[in-house]
Every structure is written in C-alpha cells, then in structure tokens.
N, C-alpha and C. Protein backbone atom coordinates (compact mmCIF):
# COMPACT_ATOMS: atom_id res chain seq x y z
N UNK A 1 -0.63 65.20 46.43
CA UNK A 1 -1.38 66.26 47.03
C UNK A 1 -1.66 65.89 48.49
N UNK A 2 -1.58 66.86 49.38
CA UNK A 2 -1.93 66.65 50.78
C UNK A 2 -3.40 66.99 50.98
N UNK A 3 -4.10 66.07 51.64
CA UNK A 3 -5.54 66.24 51.85
C UNK A 3 -5.84 66.07 53.34
N UNK A 4 -6.62 67.00 53.90
CA UNK A 4 -6.99 66.96 55.31
C UNK A 4 -8.50 66.75 55.42
N UNK A 5 -8.89 65.70 56.14
CA UNK A 5 -10.30 65.43 56.41
C UNK A 5 -10.63 65.99 57.79
N UNK A 6 -11.71 66.78 57.88
CA UNK A 6 -12.23 67.27 59.16
C UNK A 6 -13.40 66.38 59.54
N UNK A 7 -13.29 65.67 60.66
CA UNK A 7 -14.36 64.79 61.11
C UNK A 7 -14.61 64.99 62.59
N UNK A 8 -15.79 64.61 63.03
CA UNK A 8 -16.13 64.73 64.45
C UNK A 8 -15.45 63.67 65.29
N UNK A 9 -15.53 62.41 64.84
CA UNK A 9 -14.92 61.29 65.55
C UNK A 9 -14.15 60.44 64.56
N UNK A 10 -13.04 59.91 65.01
CA UNK A 10 -12.28 58.97 64.18
C UNK A 10 -11.50 58.03 65.07
N UNK A 11 -11.49 56.75 64.75
CA UNK A 11 -12.21 56.08 63.67
C UNK A 11 -13.63 55.77 64.09
N UNK A 12 -14.55 56.01 63.24
CA UNK A 12 -15.97 55.74 63.52
C UNK A 12 -16.39 54.60 62.61
N UNK A 13 -16.74 53.49 63.20
CA UNK A 13 -17.04 52.27 62.47
C UNK A 13 -18.18 52.44 61.48
N UNK A 14 -19.15 53.30 61.80
CA UNK A 14 -20.33 53.44 60.94
C UNK A 14 -20.12 54.35 59.74
N UNK A 15 -19.01 55.05 59.66
CA UNK A 15 -18.80 55.99 58.54
C UNK A 15 -17.83 55.41 57.51
N UNK A 16 -18.23 54.29 56.92
CA UNK A 16 -17.37 53.63 55.96
C UNK A 16 -17.20 54.44 54.68
N UNK A 17 -18.17 55.27 54.34
CA UNK A 17 -18.04 56.07 53.11
C UNK A 17 -16.88 57.05 53.21
N UNK A 18 -16.65 57.61 54.39
CA UNK A 18 -15.51 58.51 54.58
C UNK A 18 -14.22 57.72 54.54
N UNK A 19 -14.20 56.57 55.17
CA UNK A 19 -13.02 55.71 55.16
C UNK A 19 -12.68 55.28 53.73
N UNK A 20 -13.71 54.96 52.95
CA UNK A 20 -13.48 54.58 51.55
C UNK A 20 -12.88 55.73 50.74
N UNK A 21 -13.32 56.96 51.02
CA UNK A 21 -12.73 58.12 50.35
C UNK A 21 -11.25 58.26 50.72
N UNK A 22 -10.96 58.11 52.01
CA UNK A 22 -9.57 58.24 52.48
C UNK A 22 -8.67 57.19 51.82
N UNK A 23 -9.10 55.94 51.88
CA UNK A 23 -8.26 54.87 51.33
C UNK A 23 -8.13 54.98 49.81
N UNK A 24 -9.18 55.42 49.15
CA UNK A 24 -9.10 55.62 47.70
C UNK A 24 -8.10 56.70 47.34
N UNK A 25 -8.09 57.77 48.10
CA UNK A 25 -7.12 58.85 47.85
C UNK A 25 -5.70 58.40 48.15
N UNK A 26 -5.52 57.60 49.20
CA UNK A 26 -4.19 57.07 49.51
C UNK A 26 -3.73 56.15 48.39
N UNK A 27 -4.62 55.29 47.91
CA UNK A 27 -4.29 54.40 46.80
C UNK A 27 -3.91 55.18 45.54
N UNK A 28 -4.49 56.37 45.39
CA UNK A 28 -4.19 57.22 44.23
C UNK A 28 -2.89 58.01 44.41
N UNK A 29 -2.24 57.83 45.58
CA UNK A 29 -0.95 58.47 45.79
C UNK A 29 -0.97 59.76 46.58
N UNK A 30 -2.09 60.10 47.18
CA UNK A 30 -2.20 61.34 47.95
C UNK A 30 -1.81 61.12 49.40
N UNK A 31 -1.40 62.18 50.07
CA UNK A 31 -1.03 62.17 51.48
C UNK A 31 -2.25 62.63 52.28
N UNK A 32 -2.89 61.70 52.97
CA UNK A 32 -4.14 61.98 53.69
C UNK A 32 -3.87 62.13 55.17
N UNK A 33 -4.44 63.19 55.77
CA UNK A 33 -4.39 63.43 57.21
C UNK A 33 -5.81 63.63 57.71
N UNK A 34 -6.03 63.34 59.00
CA UNK A 34 -7.36 63.43 59.59
C UNK A 34 -7.31 64.34 60.80
N UNK A 35 -8.16 65.34 60.82
CA UNK A 35 -8.32 66.23 61.97
C UNK A 35 -9.65 65.89 62.61
N UNK A 36 -9.61 65.30 63.81
CA UNK A 36 -10.82 64.82 64.46
C UNK A 36 -11.00 65.48 65.82
N UNK A 37 -12.25 65.72 66.17
CA UNK A 37 -12.55 66.32 67.46
C UNK A 37 -12.23 65.36 68.59
N UNK A 38 -12.61 64.10 68.42
CA UNK A 38 -12.33 63.12 69.47
C UNK A 38 -12.27 61.73 68.87
N UNK A 39 -11.82 60.78 69.67
CA UNK A 39 -11.73 59.38 69.25
C UNK A 39 -13.05 58.67 69.52
N UNK A 40 -13.34 57.69 68.72
CA UNK A 40 -14.52 56.84 68.94
C UNK A 40 -14.30 56.08 70.24
N UNK A 41 -15.33 55.98 71.05
CA UNK A 41 -15.18 55.41 72.38
C UNK A 41 -15.35 53.90 72.46
N UNK A 42 -15.90 53.25 71.43
CA UNK A 42 -16.17 51.82 71.56
C UNK A 42 -14.96 50.93 71.33
N UNK A 43 -13.88 51.45 70.75
CA UNK A 43 -12.64 50.69 70.60
C UNK A 43 -12.56 49.81 69.37
N UNK A 44 -13.67 49.56 68.68
CA UNK A 44 -13.65 48.75 67.47
C UNK A 44 -13.28 49.63 66.28
N UNK A 45 -12.41 49.11 65.41
CA UNK A 45 -12.00 49.86 64.22
C UNK A 45 -12.14 48.99 62.99
N UNK A 46 -12.34 49.63 61.87
CA UNK A 46 -12.42 48.96 60.59
C UNK A 46 -11.04 48.43 60.22
N UNK A 47 -10.99 47.32 59.49
CA UNK A 47 -9.71 46.71 59.10
C UNK A 47 -8.83 47.67 58.30
N UNK A 48 -9.45 48.52 57.46
CA UNK A 48 -8.68 49.45 56.65
C UNK A 48 -7.95 50.50 57.48
N UNK A 49 -8.47 50.82 58.65
CA UNK A 49 -7.79 51.78 59.53
C UNK A 49 -6.43 51.21 59.92
N UNK A 50 -6.39 49.93 60.20
CA UNK A 50 -5.13 49.28 60.56
C UNK A 50 -4.26 49.05 59.32
N UNK A 51 -4.86 48.60 58.24
CA UNK A 51 -4.12 48.30 57.01
C UNK A 51 -3.39 49.53 56.46
N UNK A 52 -4.05 50.68 56.51
CA UNK A 52 -3.48 51.91 55.97
C UNK A 52 -2.77 52.76 57.04
N UNK A 53 -2.67 52.27 58.26
CA UNK A 53 -2.01 52.97 59.38
C UNK A 53 -2.59 54.38 59.58
N UNK A 54 -3.90 54.47 59.50
CA UNK A 54 -4.55 55.78 59.59
C UNK A 54 -4.46 56.41 60.98
N UNK A 55 -4.30 55.61 62.01
CA UNK A 55 -4.18 56.19 63.36
C UNK A 55 -2.91 57.02 63.50
N UNK A 56 -1.91 56.76 62.66
CA UNK A 56 -0.69 57.57 62.65
C UNK A 56 -0.92 58.92 61.97
N UNK A 57 -2.05 59.06 61.29
CA UNK A 57 -2.35 60.27 60.52
C UNK A 57 -3.44 61.12 61.15
N UNK A 58 -3.80 60.84 62.41
CA UNK A 58 -4.90 61.54 63.07
C UNK A 58 -4.35 62.59 64.03
N UNK A 59 -4.97 63.77 64.00
CA UNK A 59 -4.69 64.84 64.96
C UNK A 59 -6.00 65.11 65.70
N UNK A 60 -6.01 64.89 67.01
CA UNK A 60 -7.20 65.15 67.82
C UNK A 60 -7.09 66.53 68.42
N UNK A 61 -8.18 67.29 68.37
CA UNK A 61 -8.12 68.67 68.86
C UNK A 61 -9.05 68.98 70.02
N UNK A 62 -9.93 68.07 70.41
CA UNK A 62 -10.85 68.40 71.52
C UNK A 62 -11.21 67.14 72.29
N UNK A 63 -10.24 66.49 72.87
CA UNK A 63 -10.48 65.24 73.57
C UNK A 63 -11.37 65.41 74.80
N UNK A 64 -11.39 66.58 75.42
CA UNK A 64 -12.14 66.77 76.66
C UNK A 64 -13.57 67.22 76.45
N UNK A 65 -14.00 67.45 75.22
CA UNK A 65 -15.38 67.82 74.95
C UNK A 65 -15.73 69.25 75.33
N UNK A 66 -14.79 70.16 75.28
CA UNK A 66 -15.09 71.56 75.59
C UNK A 66 -15.93 72.16 74.47
N UNK A 67 -16.76 73.13 74.79
CA UNK A 67 -17.68 73.67 73.80
C UNK A 67 -17.39 75.10 73.35
N UNK A 68 -16.64 75.87 74.10
CA UNK A 68 -16.43 77.26 73.71
C UNK A 68 -15.51 77.35 72.50
N UNK A 69 -15.68 78.40 71.71
CA UNK A 69 -14.85 78.57 70.52
C UNK A 69 -13.39 78.77 70.89
N UNK A 70 -13.14 79.47 71.99
CA UNK A 70 -11.77 79.68 72.43
C UNK A 70 -11.12 78.34 72.80
N UNK A 71 -11.85 77.50 73.51
CA UNK A 71 -11.32 76.19 73.89
C UNK A 71 -11.05 75.33 72.65
N UNK A 72 -11.96 75.36 71.69
CA UNK A 72 -11.76 74.59 70.47
C UNK A 72 -10.55 75.09 69.69
N UNK A 73 -10.41 76.40 69.60
CA UNK A 73 -9.26 76.97 68.90
C UNK A 73 -7.96 76.62 69.59
N UNK A 74 -7.96 76.68 70.91
CA UNK A 74 -6.77 76.34 71.68
C UNK A 74 -6.44 74.85 71.50
N UNK A 75 -7.46 74.01 71.55
CA UNK A 75 -7.25 72.57 71.36
C UNK A 75 -6.72 72.25 69.97
N UNK A 76 -7.25 72.93 68.96
CA UNK A 76 -6.77 72.74 67.60
C UNK A 76 -5.31 73.16 67.49
N UNK A 77 -4.96 74.29 68.06
CA UNK A 77 -3.57 74.77 68.03
C UNK A 77 -2.63 73.79 68.72
N UNK A 78 -3.04 73.28 69.87
CA UNK A 78 -2.20 72.31 70.58
C UNK A 78 -2.03 71.03 69.77
N UNK A 79 -3.11 70.58 69.15
CA UNK A 79 -3.03 69.37 68.34
C UNK A 79 -2.09 69.52 67.16
N UNK A 80 -2.18 70.66 66.48
CA UNK A 80 -1.29 70.90 65.34
C UNK A 80 0.16 71.04 65.79
N UNK A 81 0.39 71.69 66.91
CA UNK A 81 1.75 71.82 67.44
C UNK A 81 2.33 70.45 67.78
N UNK A 82 1.54 69.61 68.44
CA UNK A 82 2.00 68.26 68.76
C UNK A 82 2.35 67.50 67.50
N UNK A 83 1.52 67.65 66.48
CA UNK A 83 1.76 66.96 65.22
C UNK A 83 3.09 67.39 64.60
N UNK A 84 3.32 68.69 64.51
CA UNK A 84 4.54 69.17 63.87
C UNK A 84 5.79 68.90 64.70
N UNK A 85 5.67 68.93 66.01
CA UNK A 85 6.81 68.58 66.87
C UNK A 85 7.15 67.10 66.68
N UNK A 86 6.13 66.26 66.65
CA UNK A 86 6.35 64.83 66.43
C UNK A 86 7.02 64.59 65.08
N UNK A 87 6.54 65.30 64.06
CA UNK A 87 7.09 65.16 62.71
C UNK A 87 8.56 65.61 62.69
N UNK A 88 8.88 66.71 63.38
CA UNK A 88 10.24 67.21 63.44
C UNK A 88 11.15 66.23 64.18
N UNK A 89 10.69 65.72 65.31
CA UNK A 89 11.50 64.77 66.07
C UNK A 89 11.75 63.49 65.29
N UNK A 90 10.77 63.07 64.50
CA UNK A 90 10.93 61.89 63.67
C UNK A 90 12.06 62.11 62.64
N UNK A 91 12.10 63.30 62.04
CA UNK A 91 13.14 63.62 61.06
C UNK A 91 14.50 63.68 61.73
N UNK A 92 14.56 64.31 62.91
CA UNK A 92 15.84 64.41 63.62
C UNK A 92 16.35 63.03 63.99
N UNK A 93 15.48 62.17 64.49
CA UNK A 93 15.87 60.81 64.86
C UNK A 93 16.36 60.06 63.64
N UNK A 94 15.68 60.23 62.51
CA UNK A 94 16.07 59.56 61.28
C UNK A 94 17.47 60.01 60.84
N UNK A 95 17.74 61.30 60.93
CA UNK A 95 19.05 61.82 60.53
C UNK A 95 20.14 61.33 61.47
N UNK A 96 19.82 61.27 62.77
CA UNK A 96 20.82 60.86 63.74
C UNK A 96 21.22 59.40 63.60
N UNK A 97 20.30 58.55 63.18
CA UNK A 97 20.58 57.12 63.15
C UNK A 97 20.79 56.55 61.76
N UNK A 98 20.86 57.41 60.74
CA UNK A 98 21.13 56.86 59.40
C UNK A 98 22.53 57.19 58.98
C-alpha cells in the first residue's frame, strides 16, 4: 500500500512518534512518502532517516514560507511535478542502461 504523510517540517528531530510510524509501515512492506511544507533548519537528523533513506521519499511544497492559499497550491503542484518527473527520468535511465 502507498502511504503519504503530510507534515509541516521533515525531518524534525523532536517528532520521533511520526518517524516510528513511518519506519514501522516500511518494515511492514508499505511504500511511504512524505509531503512536507519545509525542511528542518538545524541540520540534525535521526539515524532512522538515514537508515531508511527517507530523504529520497520527501516532497517539499513550500520552501519559501509563502502564506497564501494560491501560493501553497502552486508550490504543492510544483513539488508533485518535480517528484513525478524525477521518477520518470529514473525509469528511463534504468531502461537505457540495463
């Protein structure tokens, strides 16, 4: 099953309960993705973020901190487009080199 987590910041060191949910679902065989408004600014990450390669599963939609609904919607659309383009290019590269 594909599961999408909506969070304000990721990775956020203080929200271990959310991280535990994510890693538990991954261990159970689910495909977990994270939709986050922005990245945590302190640079420290939990070990499980690295162990489970969660940064590869994050889509950021509002890095500049805009507040209007139109800006948020536009940022979300751009983030999803970047994600799917990246996913498509990864498949094309895989096909070309295998």
